[in-house]
Amino acid sequence: LLKTVLQKKGYTVICGVDGEDGYLAAKESHGSIDLLLTDVVLPRLSGKALYKRLRSHSPHLRVLFMSGYADNDISRQDPGDANAHFISKPFDPAALLAKVAKALSPGP
């Protein structure tokens, strides 16, 4: 569903079935990645670890973490990381698109 919503708005989407697969898919993609949209909890490699790994290659990468856990430590992410954003599940397509636009907008 997320892929379809984003593609209908013109975004190019690269998918992975878990954190490690997402990392490999990102590395194999051509061109730069502007935004990582990831669940906090993923098999094999957490969303936070995936973000950290990808940022080592792309320091300007922005991330939108998703979680169904209201009291997740990612929601209290390092306040100095202006590139990290958070959305609580469940959310509707309009809320997702608004958060994606905010995460991609210039500035803090």
C-alpha atoms as a PDB file:
ATOM      1  CA  LEU A   1       0.000   0.000   0.000  1.00  0.00           C
ATOM      2  CA  LEU A   2       2.784   2.461   0.895  1.00  0.00           C
ATOM      3  CA  LYS A   3       4.578   1.823  -2.382  1.00  0.00           C
ATOM      4  CA  THR A   4       1.394   2.429  -4.389  1.00  0.00           C
ATOM      5  CA  VAL A   5       0.515   5.644  -2.532  1.00  0.00           C
ATOM      6  CA  LEU A   6       4.004   7.063  -3.025  1.00  0.00           C
ATOM      7  CA  GLN A   7       4.305   6.029  -6.668  1.00  0.00           C
ATOM      8  CA  LYS A   8       0.927   7.606  -7.491  1.00  0.00           C
ATOM      9  CA  LYS A   9       2.368  10.900  -6.217  1.00  0.00           C
ATOM     10  CA  GLY A  10       5.417  10.571  -8.461  1.00  0.00           C
ATOM     11  CA  TYR A  11       7.966   9.221  -5.997  1.00  0.00           C
ATOM     12  CA  THR A  12      10.420   6.536  -7.076  1.00  0.00           C
ATOM     13  CA  VAL A  13      10.290   3.703  -4.544  1.00  0.00           C
ATOM     14  CA  ILE A  14      12.915   1.075  -3.721  1.00  0.00           C
ATOM     15  CA  CYS A  15      11.656  -1.750  -1.496  1.00  0.00           C
ATOM     16  CA  GLY A  16      13.177  -4.374   0.760  1.00  0.00           C
ATOM     17  CA  VAL A  17      11.536  -7.194   2.712  1.00  0.00           C
ATOM     18  CA  ASP A  18      13.637  -6.542   5.837  1.00  0.00           C
ATOM     19  CA  GLY A  19      16.401  -4.214   6.994  1.00  0.00           C
ATOM     20  CA  GLU A  20      19.264  -6.103   5.387  1.00  0.00           C
ATOM     21  CA  ASP A  21      17.396  -6.494   2.089  1.00  0.00           C
ATOM     22  CA  GLY A  22      16.525  -2.797   2.169  1.00  0.00           C
ATOM     23  CA  TYR A  23      20.184  -1.924   2.644  1.00  0.00           C
ATOM     24  CA  LEU A  24      21.230  -4.092  -0.306  1.00  0.00           C
ATOM     25  CA  ALA A  25      18.440  -2.702  -2.509  1.00  0.00           C
ATOM     26  CA  ALA A  26      19.502   0.851  -1.665  1.00  0.00           C
ATOM     27  CA  LYS A  27      23.154   0.116  -2.442  1.00  0.00           C
ATOM     28  CA  GLU A  28      22.227  -1.461  -5.787  1.00  0.00           C
ATOM     29  CA  SER A  29      19.969   1.403  -6.833  1.00  0.00           C
ATOM     30  CA  HIS A  30      21.201   3.983  -9.292  1.00  0.00           C
ATOM     31  CA  GLY A  31      21.040   7.602  -8.227  1.00  0.00           C
ATOM     32  CA  SER A  32      20.720   9.181  -4.840  1.00  0.00           C
ATOM     33  CA  ILE A  33      18.119   8.352  -2.224  1.00  0.00           C
ATOM     34  CA  ASP A  34      16.465  11.383  -0.665  1.00  0.00           C
ATOM     35  CA  LEU A  35      14.307   9.708   1.987  1.00  0.00           C
ATOM     36  CA  LEU A  36      14.370   6.407   3.835  1.00  0.00           C
ATOM     37  CA  LEU A  37      10.889   5.318   4.929  1.00  0.00           C
ATOM     38  CA  THR A  38      11.333   2.465   7.377  1.00  0.00           C
ATOM     39  CA  ASP A  39       9.632   0.707  10.217  1.00  0.00           C
ATOM     40  CA  VAL A  40      11.509   0.948  13.491  1.00  0.00           C
ATOM     41  CA  VAL A  41      11.325  -2.807  14.102  1.00  0.00           C
ATOM     42  CA  LEU A  42      12.613  -4.903  11.193  1.00  0.00           C
ATOM     43  CA  PRO A  43      14.038  -8.420  10.961  1.00  0.00           C
ATOM     44  CA  ARG A  44      17.819  -8.817  10.508  1.00  0.00           C
ATOM     45  CA  LEU A  45      18.591  -5.083  10.738  1.00  0.00           C
ATOM     46  CA  SER A  46      16.558  -2.515  12.663  1.00  0.00           C
ATOM     47  CA  GLY A  47      15.283   0.642  11.023  1.00  0.00           C
ATOM     48  CA  LYS A  48      17.630   2.727  13.151  1.00  0.00           C
ATOM     49  CA  ALA A  49      20.638   0.577  12.164  1.00  0.00           C
ATOM     50  CA  LEU A  50      19.577   0.727   8.503  1.00  0.00           C
ATOM     51  CA  TYR A  51      19.437   4.527   8.676  1.00  0.00           C
ATOM     52  CA  LYS A  52      22.858   4.693  10.329  1.00  0.00           C
ATOM     53  CA  ARG A  53      24.393   2.427   7.680  1.00  0.00           C
ATOM     54  CA  LEU A  54      22.900   4.335   4.760  1.00  0.00           C
ATOM     55  CA  ARG A  55      23.898   7.700   6.252  1.00  0.00           C
ATOM     56  CA  SER A  56      27.522   6.599   6.327  1.00  0.00           C
ATOM     57  CA  HIS A  57      27.326   6.678   2.497  1.00  0.00           C
ATOM     58  CA  SER A  58      24.801   9.532   2.161  1.00  0.00           C
ATOM     59  CA  PRO A  59      25.181  12.040   5.023  1.00  0.00           C
ATOM     60  CA  HIS A  60      22.249  14.155   3.812  1.00  0.00           C
ATOM     61  CA  LEU A  61      19.798  11.234   3.795  1.00  0.00           C
ATOM     62  CA  ARG A  62      16.524  11.968   5.550  1.00  0.00           C
ATOM     63  CA  VAL A  63      14.457   9.316   7.310  1.00  0.00           C
ATOM     64  CA  LEU A  64      10.820   8.855   8.222  1.00  0.00           C
ATOM     65  CA  PHE A  65      10.527   6.181  10.908  1.00  0.00           C
ATOM     66  CA  MET A  66       7.202   4.380  11.320  1.00  0.00           C
ATOM     67  CA  SER A  67       6.077   2.553  14.440  1.00  0.00           C
ATOM     68  CA  GLY A  68       2.945   1.115  15.964  1.00  0.00           C
ATOM     69  CA  TYR A  69       4.443   1.451  19.418  1.00  0.00           C
ATOM     70  CA  ALA A  70       3.415   4.749  20.993  1.00  0.00           C
ATOM     71  CA  ASP A  71       6.276   4.819  23.471  1.00  0.00           C
ATOM     72  CA  ASN A  72       9.104   3.997  21.104  1.00  0.00           C
ATOM     73  CA  ASP A  73      12.579   5.411  21.703  1.00  0.00           C
ATOM     74  CA  ILE A  74      12.777   6.525  18.058  1.00  0.00           C
ATOM     75  CA  SER A  75      10.012   9.032  18.743  1.00  0.00           C
ATOM     76  CA  ARG A  76      12.464  10.622  21.165  1.00  0.00           C
ATOM     77  CA  GLN A  77      15.262  10.467  18.584  1.00  0.00           C
ATOM     78  CA  ASP A  78      18.296  12.688  18.998  1.00  0.00           C
ATOM     79  CA  PRO A  79      16.799  16.190  18.787  1.00  0.00           C
ATOM     80  CA  GLY A  80      19.954  17.332  16.995  1.00  0.00           C
ATOM     81  CA  ASP A  81      19.174  15.111  13.991  1.00  0.00           C
ATOM     82  CA  ALA A  82      17.018  17.373  11.824  1.00  0.00           C
ATOM     83  CA  ASN A  83      16.948  14.651   9.143  1.00  0.00           C
ATOM     84  CA  ALA A  84      14.988  12.189  11.324  1.00  0.00           C
ATOM     85  CA  HIS A  85      11.176  12.251  11.360  1.00  0.00           C
ATOM     86  CA  PHE A  86       8.540   9.965  12.894  1.00  0.00           C
ATOM     87  CA  ILE A  87       4.995   8.842  12.096  1.00  0.00           C
ATOM     88  CA  SER A  88       2.850   6.670  14.359  1.00  0.00           C
ATOM     89  CA  LYS A  89       0.882   3.761  12.931  1.00  0.00           C
ATOM     90  CA  PRO A  90      -1.835   3.461  11.955  1.00  0.00           C
ATOM     91  CA  PHE A  91      -1.912   6.381   9.519  1.00  0.00           C
ATOM     92  CA  ASP A  92      -3.853   7.141   6.370  1.00  0.00           C
ATOM     93  CA  PRO A  93      -2.372   7.945   2.941  1.00  0.00           C
ATOM     94  CA  ALA A  94      -2.908  11.702   3.378  1.00  0.00           C
ATOM     95  CA  ALA A  95      -1.008  11.716   6.687  1.00  0.00           C
ATOM     96  CA  LEU A  96       1.820   9.706   5.129  1.00  0.00           C
ATOM     97  CA  LEU A  97       2.124  12.053   2.161  1.00  0.00           C
ATOM     98  CA  ALA A  98       2.121  15.088   4.471  1.00  0.00           C
ATOM     99  CA  LYS A  99       4.917  13.584   6.603  1.00  0.00           C
ATOM    100  CA  VAL A 100       6.938  12.643   3.515  1.00  0.00           C
ATOM    101  CA  ALA A 101       6.604  16.186   2.143  1.00  0.00           C
ATOM    102  CA  LYS A 102       7.669  17.635   5.506  1.00  0.00           C
ATOM    103  CA  ALA A 103      10.646  15.280   5.758  1.00  0.00           C
ATOM    104  CA  LEU A 104      11.781  16.255   2.256  1.00  0.00           C
ATOM    105  CA  SER A 105      11.287  19.989   2.729  1.00  0.00           C
ATOM    106  CA  PRO A 106      14.416  22.120   3.175  1.00  0.00           C
ATOM    107  CA  GLY A 107      15.313  23.328   6.612  1.00  0.00           C
ATOM    108  CA  PRO A 108      14.629  21.910  10.074  1.00  0.00           C
END
